[in-house]
Protein backbone atom coordinates (compact mmCIF):
# COMPACT_ATOMS: atom_id res chain seq x y z
CA MET A 1 -37.02 -5.71 -1.26
CA ALA A 2 -40.98 -4.99 -2.05
CA SER A 3 -41.35 -1.00 -1.60
CA PHE A 4 -44.38 0.66 -0.23
CA THR A 5 -45.89 3.91 -1.24
CA ASP A 6 -48.25 4.26 1.68
CA LEU A 7 -47.68 2.29 5.65
CA ARG A 8 -51.33 1.37 5.05
CA GLU A 9 -49.71 -0.80 2.79
CA LYS A 10 -46.97 -1.98 4.63
CA LEU A 11 -48.85 -2.61 8.05
CA LYS A 12 -51.03 -4.88 5.18
CA SER A 13 -48.92 -6.69 3.96
CA MET A 14 -47.55 -7.82 7.54
CA THR A 15 -51.06 -9.05 8.60
CA PRO A 16 -52.73 -10.79 5.40
CA HIS A 17 -55.20 -12.29 8.24
CA ARG A 18 -57.19 -9.21 8.87
CA ASP A 19 -61.75 -8.80 10.10
CA LYS A 20 -63.43 -7.15 7.21
CA VAL A 21 -66.83 -6.04 7.70
CA VAL A 22 -69.53 -6.53 4.91
CA GLU A 23 -72.98 -5.39 4.67
CA ASN A 24 -75.52 -8.39 3.75
CA SER A 25 -78.59 -8.13 1.25
CA ASP A 26 -80.76 -8.16 4.18
CA GLY A 27 -77.97 -4.80 5.81
CA GLU A 28 -77.12 -7.20 8.76
CA LYS A 29 -73.25 -6.65 9.34
CA ARG A 30 -71.06 -9.43 9.46
CA LYS A 31 -67.31 -9.72 9.54
CA TYR A 32 -65.23 -12.24 7.57
CA ARG A 33 -61.19 -12.99 7.98
CA GLU A 34 -59.67 -11.33 4.86
CA SER A 35 -57.29 -13.51 2.80
CA ASP A 36 -54.99 -12.97 -0.08
CA ASP A 37 -55.68 -16.62 -0.94
CA ASP A 38 -59.48 -17.17 -0.21
CA GLU A 39 -61.12 -14.22 0.92
CA SER A 40 -64.50 -15.72 1.92
CA GLU A 41 -62.68 -18.67 3.85
CA TYR A 42 -63.26 -17.01 7.16
CA GLU A 43 -66.97 -17.03 6.57
CA GLU A 44 -67.22 -20.55 5.03
CA ARG A 45 -65.38 -22.23 8.10
CA ARG A 46 -68.24 -19.60 10.41
CA ASP A 47 -71.03 -21.33 8.08
CA ALA A 48 -69.66 -25.14 8.45
CA GLU A 49 -69.39 -24.13 12.44
CA ALA A 50 -73.25 -23.08 12.75
CA LEU A 51 -74.14 -26.16 10.80
CA LYS A 52 -72.59 -28.43 13.34
CA VAL A 53 -74.14 -26.80 16.23
CA LYS A 54 -77.31 -26.59 14.50
CA SER A 55 -77.22 -30.41 14.04
CA SER A 56 -76.82 -31.29 17.42
CA ILE A 57 -79.95 -29.24 18.73
CA LYS A 58 -83.62 -30.26 18.79
CA GLN A 59 -86.18 -27.79 19.61
CA ALA A 60 -89.92 -28.75 20.44
CA ASN A 61 -93.03 -26.81 21.34
CA ILE A 62 -94.79 -28.76 24.10
CA PHE A 63 -96.29 -26.72 26.40
CA THR A 64 -99.33 -24.25 25.31
CA GLN A 65 -100.19 -20.85 26.64
CA GLU A 66 -102.12 -22.04 29.66
CA GLU A 67 -99.85 -24.48 30.76
CA CYS A 68 -96.90 -22.03 30.44
CA ALA A 69 -98.99 -19.56 32.70
CA ARG A 70 -99.65 -21.52 35.65
CA ILE A 71 -95.70 -22.82 35.65
CA GLU A 72 -95.07 -18.77 35.41
CA ALA A 73 -97.23 -18.24 38.13
CA LYS A 74 -95.39 -21.34 40.13
CA ILE A 75 -91.93 -19.23 39.44
CA ASP A 76 -93.55 -16.43 41.32
CA GLU A 77 -94.16 -18.33 44.09
CA VAL A 78 -90.29 -19.54 44.15
CA VAL A 79 -89.05 -15.84 43.68
CA ALA A 80 -91.50 -14.83 46.42
CA LYS A 81 -90.20 -17.25 48.90
CA GLY A 82 -86.42 -16.48 47.70
CA ASP A 83 -87.26 -12.89 48.46
CA LYS A 84 -88.35 -13.91 52.18
CA GLY A 85 -85.16 -16.12 52.55
CA LEU A 86 -87.22 -18.83 53.04
CA TYR A 87 -84.62 -21.41 51.24
CA ARG A 88 -81.09 -22.87 52.28
CA GLU A 89 -78.19 -21.33 51.61
CA HIS A 90 -77.01 -22.39 48.64
CA THR A 91 -80.62 -22.68 46.68
CA VAL A 92 -80.54 -18.71 45.46
CA ASP A 93 -77.61 -17.47 43.78
CA ARG A 94 -77.91 -13.50 42.64
CA ALA A 95 -76.79 -11.35 40.51
CA PRO A 96 -77.52 -8.06 38.68
CA LEU A 97 -80.80 -8.57 36.71
CA ARG A 98 -80.81 -12.60 36.61
CA ASN A 99 -81.51 -14.67 39.51
CA LYS A 100 -80.71 -18.32 39.74
CA TYR A 101 -82.67 -20.76 41.89
CA PHE A 102 -80.49 -24.33 42.40
CA PHE A 103 -82.88 -27.26 43.19
CA GLY A 104 -81.56 -31.01 43.47
CA GLU A 105 -78.37 -30.02 43.12
CA GLY A 106 -76.10 -27.15 43.08
CA TYR A 107 -73.09 -26.03 41.78
CA THR A 108 -70.78 -23.47 42.47
CA TYR A 109 -68.77 -21.40 39.52
CA GLY A 110 -67.32 -18.40 40.95
CA SER A 111 -65.77 -16.70 44.48
CA GLN A 112 -66.31 -19.78 46.42
CA LEU A 113 -63.91 -21.67 45.11
CA GLU A 114 -59.98 -21.37 46.13
CA LYS A 115 -58.97 -21.90 42.23
CA ARG A 116 -61.60 -20.70 39.94
CA GLY A 117 -61.75 -21.35 36.16
CA PRO A 118 -63.42 -24.36 33.93
CA GLY A 119 -63.16 -27.64 35.22
CA GLN A 120 -63.01 -26.12 39.10
CA GLU A 121 -66.64 -26.77 38.89
CA ARG A 122 -67.81 -28.66 42.26
CA LEU A 123 -71.25 -29.95 43.22
CA TYR A 124 -72.64 -28.71 47.25
CA SER A 125 -72.61 -31.26 49.40
CA LYS A 126 -75.80 -33.22 49.43
CA GLY A 127 -78.84 -31.19 51.33
CA GLU A 128 -77.21 -27.80 50.46
CA VAL A 129 -80.17 -26.99 47.97
CA ASP A 130 -83.60 -27.38 48.21
CA GLU A 131 -84.71 -30.68 46.72
CA ILE A 132 -86.78 -30.17 43.07
CA PRO A 133 -90.06 -28.92 44.01
CA ASP A 134 -93.38 -30.94 42.75
CA TRP A 135 -95.05 -28.49 40.64
CA VAL A 136 -91.48 -29.14 38.68
CA HIS A 137 -92.44 -32.99 38.72
CA GLU A 138 -95.71 -32.57 37.55
CA LEU A 139 -95.68 -29.74 35.43
CA VAL A 140 -92.57 -29.77 33.25
CA ILE A 141 -90.50 -32.83 33.85
CA ASP A 142 -93.41 -35.31 33.75
CA ARG A 143 -94.49 -33.73 30.59
CA LEU A 144 -91.14 -34.12 28.91
CA VAL A 145 -90.92 -37.74 29.71
CA THR A 146 -94.60 -38.28 28.06
CA HIS A 147 -93.29 -36.79 25.04
CA GLY A 148 -90.12 -38.78 25.10
CA VAL A 149 -87.72 -35.69 25.42
CA ILE A 150 -85.89 -37.81 28.36
CA PRO A 151 -86.17 -40.59 29.82
CA GLU A 152 -88.43 -41.47 33.03
CA GLY A 153 -85.34 -40.87 36.33
CA PHE A 154 -82.89 -39.07 34.32
CA VAL A 155 -83.34 -35.53 35.64
CA ASN A 156 -81.76 -34.90 39.16
CA SER A 157 -81.00 -31.10 38.97
CA ALA A 158 -83.33 -28.28 38.02
CA VAL A 159 -82.38 -24.92 38.18
CA ILE A 160 -84.76 -21.43 37.23
CA ASN A 161 -82.85 -18.79 35.97
CA ASP A 162 -84.76 -15.62 36.50
CA TYR A 163 -83.94 -12.62 33.74
CA GLN A 164 -84.81 -9.05 34.15
CA PRO A 165 -84.88 -7.05 31.14
CA GLY A 166 -81.14 -6.52 29.99
CA GLY A 167 -79.85 -9.28 31.69
CA CYS A 168 -77.56 -12.04 30.54
CA ILE A 169 -75.39 -15.13 30.99
CA VAL A 170 -71.71 -14.64 29.84
CA SER A 171 -70.29 -17.47 27.20
CA HIS A 172 -69.48 -20.91 28.67
CA VAL A 173 -69.93 -24.53 28.63
CA ASP A 174 -72.00 -26.23 30.87
CA PRO A 175 -69.27 -28.61 33.44
CA ILE A 176 -69.07 -31.55 31.66
CA HIS A 177 -67.46 -33.08 34.51
CA ILE A 178 -70.51 -31.99 36.34
CA PHE A 179 -73.57 -32.75 33.74
CA GLU A 180 -74.52 -35.82 31.95
CA ARG A 181 -75.70 -34.72 27.80
CA PRO A 182 -78.36 -33.71 26.98
CA ILE A 183 -78.91 -30.16 28.43
CA VAL A 184 -82.55 -29.62 28.36
CA SER A 185 -84.08 -26.02 28.82
CA VAL A 186 -87.70 -24.80 28.55
CA SER A 187 -88.35 -21.07 27.86
CA PHE A 188 -91.34 -18.85 30.03
CA PHE A 189 -92.63 -15.51 30.12
CA SER A 190 -91.77 -14.11 26.66
CA ASP A 191 -89.42 -14.87 23.26
CA SER A 192 -85.87 -14.98 23.37
CA ALA A 193 -82.93 -16.09 21.62
CA LEU A 194 -79.65 -18.38 22.68
CA CYS A 195 -76.52 -17.43 20.76
CA PHE A 196 -73.56 -20.03 20.15
CA GLY A 197 -69.57 -18.96 19.66
CA CYS A 198 -69.71 -15.15 21.70
CA LYS A 199 -66.65 -13.13 23.13
CA PHE A 200 -67.78 -10.88 25.54
CA GLN A 201 -66.09 -7.45 26.58
CA PHE A 202 -67.00 -5.17 29.73
CA LYS A 203 -66.47 -1.73 31.00
CA PRO A 204 -68.96 -1.38 28.61
CA ILE A 205 -70.32 -4.93 27.75
CA ARG A 206 -69.97 -5.58 24.33
CA VAL A 207 -70.75 -9.18 22.49
CA SER A 208 -69.14 -10.35 19.34
CA GLU A 209 -71.18 -11.53 16.80
CA PRO A 210 -72.92 -15.24 16.97
CA VAL A 211 -71.92 -18.30 15.15
CA LEU A 212 -75.52 -19.05 15.78
CA HIS A 213 -78.49 -17.34 16.83
CA LEU A 214 -81.27 -19.70 17.78
CA PRO A 215 -84.62 -17.94 18.68
CA VAL A 216 -86.04 -19.64 22.15
CA ALA A 217 -90.20 -18.92 22.02
CA ARG A 218 -92.08 -18.97 25.44
CA GLY A 219 -93.07 -22.37 26.20
CA SER A 220 -90.48 -24.05 23.86
CA VAL A 221 -88.08 -27.01 24.74
CA THR A 222 -84.38 -26.40 23.49
CA ILE A 223 -82.16 -30.01 23.97
CA LEU A 224 -78.39 -29.47 23.82
CA SER A 225 -76.27 -32.37 23.05
CA GLY A 226 -72.76 -33.10 21.23
CA TYR A 227 -71.09 -30.49 19.38
CA ALA A 228 -73.45 -27.98 20.64
CA ALA A 229 -73.40 -28.85 24.28
CA ASP A 230 -69.44 -29.58 24.37
CA ASP A 231 -67.27 -27.79 21.59
CA ILE A 232 -68.85 -24.81 21.65
CA THR A 233 -69.70 -21.73 24.26
CA HIS A 234 -73.51 -20.88 24.51
CA CYS A 235 -75.26 -17.31 26.25
CA ILE A 236 -78.11 -15.05 26.45
CA ARG A 237 -76.75 -11.44 25.27
CA PRO A 238 -78.43 -8.52 26.95
CA GLN A 239 -80.16 -7.21 23.94
CA ASP A 240 -82.32 -10.57 23.64
CA ILE A 241 -84.09 -9.81 26.64
CA LYS A 242 -86.67 -7.28 26.15
CA GLU A 243 -88.70 -8.81 28.53
CA ARG A 244 -88.64 -10.60 31.92
CA ARG A 245 -87.86 -14.26 30.67
CA ALA A 246 -87.60 -17.32 32.75
CA VAL A 247 -85.82 -20.65 31.69
CA ILE A 248 -85.82 -23.93 33.73
CA ILE A 249 -83.03 -25.90 33.14
CA LEU A 250 -82.99 -29.61 33.58
CA ARG A 251 -80.12 -31.99 34.06
CA LYS A 252 -78.32 -34.83 35.32
CA THR A 253 -75.76 -34.84 37.31
CA ARG A 254 -72.65 -38.05 36.50
CA LEU A 255 -71.63 -40.03 39.43
CA ASP A 256 -68.20 -39.14 39.14
CA ALA A 257 -68.76 -35.67 39.70
CA PRO A 258 -66.52 -34.09 42.68
CA ARG A 259 -68.34 -31.98 45.35
CA LEU A 260 -67.22 -29.48 47.29
CA SER A 261 -65.42 -30.24 50.53
CA SER A 262 -65.56 -27.60 53.67
CA SER A 263 -61.59 -26.97 52.99
CA SER A 264 -62.74 -25.32 49.74
CA LEU A 265 -64.81 -22.72 49.98
CA SER A 266 -64.00 -19.16 50.95
CA PRO A 267 -64.94 -17.94 54.46
CA SER A 268 -68.42 -18.34 54.47
CA ILE A 269 -70.81 -15.85 55.24
CA HIS A 270 -72.75 -15.84 58.70
CA SER A 271 -76.09 -17.60 58.59
CA SER A 272 -76.86 -14.92 60.74
CA GLU A 273 -76.23 -12.30 57.70
CA ARG A 274 -78.08 -14.92 55.19
CA ARG A 275 -81.40 -13.82 55.38
CA HIS A 276 -80.46 -10.26 55.52
CA ILE A 277 -78.83 -10.68 51.92
CA LEU A 278 -81.49 -12.86 50.78
CA LYS A 279 -83.57 -10.28 50.85
CA ALA A 280 -82.20 -7.73 49.10
CA LYS A 281 -84.30 -5.28 47.82
CA ARG A 282 -85.13 -5.61 43.71
CA SER A 283 -85.19 -2.75 41.50
CA HIS A 284 -88.39 -2.18 39.58
CA ARG A 285 -86.61 0.27 36.92
CA LYS A 286 -86.35 -1.59 33.81
CA ALA A 287 -83.18 -1.66 32.46
CA ASP A 288 -82.62 -0.62 28.59
CA PRO A 289 -81.14 -3.47 26.50
CA ASP A 290 -79.59 -0.92 24.09
CA ALA A 291 -77.67 0.61 26.87
CA ALA A 292 -75.47 -2.26 27.16
CA HIS A 293 -73.88 -1.01 23.81
CA ARG A 294 -73.80 2.33 24.72
CA PRO A 295 -70.46 3.97 26.75
CA ARG A 296 -71.07 4.57 30.70
CA ILE A 297 -70.50 7.64 32.28
CA LEU A 298 -68.61 6.73 35.38
CA GLU A 299 -68.25 8.93 38.58
CA MET A 300 -65.08 10.08 38.01
CA ASP A 301 -65.74 11.32 35.00
CA LYS A 302 -68.54 13.46 36.51
CA GLU A 303 -65.93 14.43 38.40
CA LEU A 304 -63.84 15.65 36.16
CA GLN A 305 -66.54 17.47 34.08
CA ARG A 306 -67.30 19.06 37.48
CA ARG A 307 -64.44 20.70 37.92
CA SER A 308 -63.58 21.87 34.43
CA LEU A 309 -67.15 23.44 34.68
CA SER A 310 -66.09 24.94 38.22
CA SER A 311 -62.52 26.10 36.10
CA ARG A 312 -64.35 28.09 33.42
CA GLN A 313 -66.41 29.23 35.63
CA ARG A 314 -63.48 31.41 37.58
CA ARG A 315 -61.60 32.01 34.43
CA HIS A 316 -64.49 33.66 32.26
CA GLY A 317 -67.11 34.31 34.73
CA ASP A 318 -67.64 37.46 37.13
CA GLY A 319 -66.36 35.82 40.09
CA SER A 320 -69.36 35.21 42.11
CA SER A 321 -68.57 31.93 43.17
CA GLU A 322 -65.08 32.46 44.42
CA ASN A 323 -66.89 35.94 45.75
CA LEU A 324 -69.30 33.34 47.77
CA TRP A 325 -66.70 31.55 49.21
CA ARG A 326 -64.23 34.88 50.38
CA ARG A 327 -67.95 36.20 51.58
CA ALA A 328 -68.98 33.24 54.02
CA ASP A 329 -64.88 33.11 55.20
CA GLU A 330 -65.50 36.49 56.15
CA ARG A 331 -68.18 36.40 57.73
CA GLU A 332 -66.96 33.61 59.97
CA LEU A 333 -64.23 35.57 60.89
CA GLY A 334 -66.08 38.55 61.83
CA SER A 335 -68.07 36.59 64.09
CA ARG A 336 -65.23 35.20 65.56
CA TYR A 337 -63.91 38.83 66.17
CA THR A 338 -66.95 40.30 67.68
CA HIS A 339 -67.05 37.36 69.96
CA ASP A 340 -63.74 37.15 71.29
CA HIS A 341 -63.30 41.04 71.45
CA ALA A 342 -65.17 43.87 71.85
CA PRO A 343 -69.06 43.83 71.46
CA THR A 344 -69.77 46.71 70.12
CA ARG A 345 -67.03 46.72 67.34
CA ARG A 346 -68.16 45.13 63.85
CA VAL A 347 -66.01 44.25 60.85
CA LYS A 348 -67.31 46.26 57.90
CA MET A 349 -67.85 43.78 55.32
CA ARG A 350 -66.53 44.34 51.59
CA ARG A 351 -69.09 43.94 48.78
CA HIS A 352 -68.25 43.57 45.26
């Protein structure tokens, strides 16, 4: 029977596969799986997976700075129209630091469904979202067709994601039962990045190291297919949105994609309330992208701090806080006593 001089050695023997943090020559910290057989096996698997991801991604710089500016002005018009509540009910989907605008086809992936999770996503009924704007066809889709990125008539779904600094979208795979491949996206307003294979944790939000970190420049086109589209999740991390960024996602829905029935929806918001919700105020305060990785001070923590401070003042102070409450009670008592009894009688206030 093996003997151990240190409890840590015993624990290590019981868990031979562990995450170990190392620092490479560039100063970047990375995790690899420590093993008795081969310490670099985990790192090799990640590198192999990164190659698979990268081999199924194409990028192209098609849009000039002038074209980007023109398209960005159109995106601003979409945002303004959405703020006025002028779109159909399911065209606009709002989230903290990220708004989505569905055109052509929209789908639900969250609280509207009775059953949630991957594979439960459903297209909305026809006509539930607005048609793809003419400018998206003329300024974006036609340009991609001309450059051979997509065939003519391929796109019937266009989504505009508008991110504020510090915004994000969690790891996901575009529903395979809803959309054909490839998935085409065009980036505007600022440079950013697309990450693959991350895991999110919340309260506070934290994101694991990606298998692949893909820089995405303003005006660039990114095409996902194969492994990158189907076999690994992709996300946008809060720290990669340092300025406002918008992306137009162009896809084709499958002919057999399931659609929502009225019975599949949770109780919807009354139409009279819809305009008020869509016109919700937008915050002008810029978020700090680095704040996503700092512990947050919750209201309950603030209350505990206030109670602790008050307790210390009562124990170590001169009692001034307690005396304030006592004097207030005495004034109230004196006022009631004078009113109820002889008006000439006064209650002498005790001072400390």
